[in-house]
Amino acid sequence: MVVHYVLNADEIPEGGHVVVHIEGREIGVYRVNGEYHAINNYCPHQGAPICAGLVSGTTLPSDVYDYEYGRAGEIIRCPWHGWEFDLQTGKSLFSDRIRVKKYKVEIQDGRIGIVLGK
């Protein structure tokens, strides 16, 4: 298990993300509700760069042309085909068998570390 420190924690604003490169991998690091999450920048459907997708939430019943979201900022949508994944777990919203690769994140001395390996 190797930790790669890639950014200062204050480099990602709340609700924002940065794509970093570690050992040939593109990894999106997201800040959601004060917590950091890291996912592989690869949609398991057809390989789209998922970090280019919209981050939103789940839709709740709302008026016409007025969208209310639950879990705002916690769901990423693939830019190619709209598949949605939970940034906290990597699980898809539509199947228990499909997920985007998630990486453990460690914060030490104000630095964001991505854990690779077992």
Protein backbone atom coordinates (compact mmCIF):
# COMPACT_ATOMS: atom_id res chain seq x y z
CA MET A 1 0.00 0.00 0.00
CA VAL A 2 1.54 3.26 -1.16
CA VAL A 3 0.22 6.76 -0.46
CA HIS A 4 0.80 9.37 -3.17
CA TYR A 5 0.43 12.94 -1.90
CA VAL A 6 -0.87 14.92 -4.85
CA LEU A 7 -2.42 18.21 -3.73
CA ASN A 8 -2.89 20.58 -0.84
CA ALA A 9 -6.35 20.13 0.64
CA ASP A 10 -7.20 23.79 0.00
CA GLU A 11 -6.54 23.42 -3.75
CA ILE A 12 -9.97 21.82 -4.26
CA PRO A 13 -12.92 24.09 -3.44
CA GLU A 14 -16.08 22.65 -1.93
CA GLY A 15 -17.99 20.93 -4.73
CA GLY A 16 -14.95 20.96 -7.01
CA HIS A 17 -12.55 18.37 -8.31
CA VAL A 18 -9.11 17.93 -9.83
CA VAL A 19 -7.84 15.12 -12.05
CA VAL A 20 -4.36 13.91 -11.10
CA HIS A 21 -2.02 11.40 -12.73
CA ILE A 22 -0.48 8.65 -10.61
CA GLU A 23 1.45 5.70 -12.01
CA GLY A 24 -0.24 5.95 -15.41
CA ARG A 25 -3.73 6.35 -13.94
CA GLU A 26 -6.03 9.34 -14.15
CA ILE A 27 -7.79 9.82 -10.83
CA GLY A 28 -10.45 12.41 -10.05
CA VAL A 29 -10.26 13.86 -6.54
CA TYR A 30 -13.54 15.42 -5.35
CA ARG A 31 -14.44 17.53 -2.33
CA VAL A 32 -18.01 16.79 -1.23
CA ASN A 33 -19.43 18.15 2.02
CA GLY A 34 -15.93 18.72 3.38
CA GLU A 35 -14.77 15.16 2.59
CA TYR A 36 -12.44 14.04 -0.18
CA HIS A 37 -13.21 11.17 -2.56
CA ALA A 38 -11.11 9.71 -5.37
CA ILE A 39 -12.33 7.72 -8.38
CA ASN A 40 -10.71 6.32 -11.49
CA ASN A 41 -11.38 8.58 -14.48
CA TYR A 42 -12.85 5.68 -16.46
CA CYS A 43 -16.52 4.76 -16.81
CA PRO A 44 -17.00 0.98 -16.64
CA HIS A 45 -19.63 1.14 -19.40
CA GLN A 46 -17.55 2.19 -22.42
CA GLY A 47 -14.47 3.88 -21.02
CA ALA A 48 -15.56 7.52 -21.03
CA PRO A 49 -13.55 10.01 -18.97
CA ILE A 50 -16.14 10.04 -16.21
CA CYS A 51 -14.59 13.01 -14.41
CA ALA A 52 -15.71 15.20 -17.34
CA GLY A 53 -19.29 14.42 -16.32
CA LEU A 54 -21.75 16.52 -14.38
CA VAL A 55 -21.77 16.24 -10.60
CA SER A 56 -25.27 16.64 -9.24
CA GLY A 57 -27.63 14.68 -7.03
CA THR A 58 -30.72 12.56 -7.24
CA THR A 59 -33.88 14.30 -8.39
CA LEU A 60 -36.76 14.71 -5.98
CA PRO A 61 -40.40 15.44 -6.80
CA SER A 62 -40.53 19.10 -7.83
CA ASP A 63 -42.48 21.61 -9.89
CA VAL A 64 -42.18 21.84 -13.67
CA TYR A 65 -38.82 23.36 -14.70
CA ASP A 66 -37.77 23.43 -11.04
CA TYR A 67 -35.37 20.65 -10.11
CA GLU A 68 -34.80 19.78 -6.48
CA TYR A 69 -31.98 17.43 -5.62
CA GLY A 70 -31.33 15.01 -2.82
CA ARG A 71 -27.69 14.17 -2.15
CA ALA A 72 -26.61 17.30 -4.02
CA GLY A 73 -23.00 17.12 -5.20
CA GLU A 74 -22.65 13.41 -4.40
CA ILE A 75 -23.54 11.84 -7.77
CA ILE A 76 -21.40 11.89 -10.92
CA ARG A 77 -22.98 11.31 -14.32
CA CYS A 78 -20.99 9.86 -17.21
CA PRO A 79 -20.70 12.44 -20.02
CA TRP A 80 -21.27 9.86 -22.77
CA HIS A 81 -24.33 7.85 -21.73
CA GLY A 82 -25.52 9.29 -18.43
CA TRP A 83 -24.69 6.38 -16.14
CA GLU A 84 -24.68 7.67 -12.56
CA PHE A 85 -22.35 6.74 -9.70
CA ASP A 86 -22.12 7.61 -6.02
CA LEU A 87 -18.87 9.51 -5.36
CA GLN A 88 -18.75 8.24 -1.77
CA THR A 89 -18.90 4.53 -2.62
CA GLY A 90 -18.25 4.24 -6.37
CA LYS A 91 -21.46 2.19 -6.74
CA SER A 92 -23.80 2.80 -9.65
CA LEU A 93 -27.30 4.02 -8.89
CA PHE A 94 -28.88 1.35 -11.07
CA SER A 95 -27.05 -1.92 -10.34
CA ASP A 96 -25.28 -3.51 -7.38
CA ARG A 97 -22.82 -5.18 -9.75
CA ILE A 98 -21.46 -2.08 -11.50
CA ARG A 99 -19.16 0.47 -9.95
CA VAL A 100 -16.43 2.93 -10.76
CA LYS A 101 -13.03 2.21 -9.15
CA LYS A 102 -12.73 4.10 -5.87
CA TYR A 103 -9.48 4.93 -4.05
CA LYS A 104 -8.92 5.58 -0.37
CA VAL A 105 -7.98 9.18 0.45
CA GLU A 106 -5.78 10.22 3.38
CA ILE A 107 -5.22 13.77 4.59
CA GLN A 108 -1.94 14.43 6.37
CA ASP A 109 -0.51 17.83 7.25
CA GLY A 110 -2.98 19.50 4.88
CA ARG A 111 -1.98 17.29 1.93
CA ILE A 112 -4.31 14.95 0.02
CA GLY A 113 -2.94 11.44 -0.38
CA ILE A 114 -4.32 8.76 -2.69
CA VAL A 115 -3.75 5.18 -1.56
CA LEU A 116 -2.80 2.68 -4.27
CA GLY A 117 -2.41 -1.03 -3.72
CA LYS A 118 -4.03 -3.49 -1.36
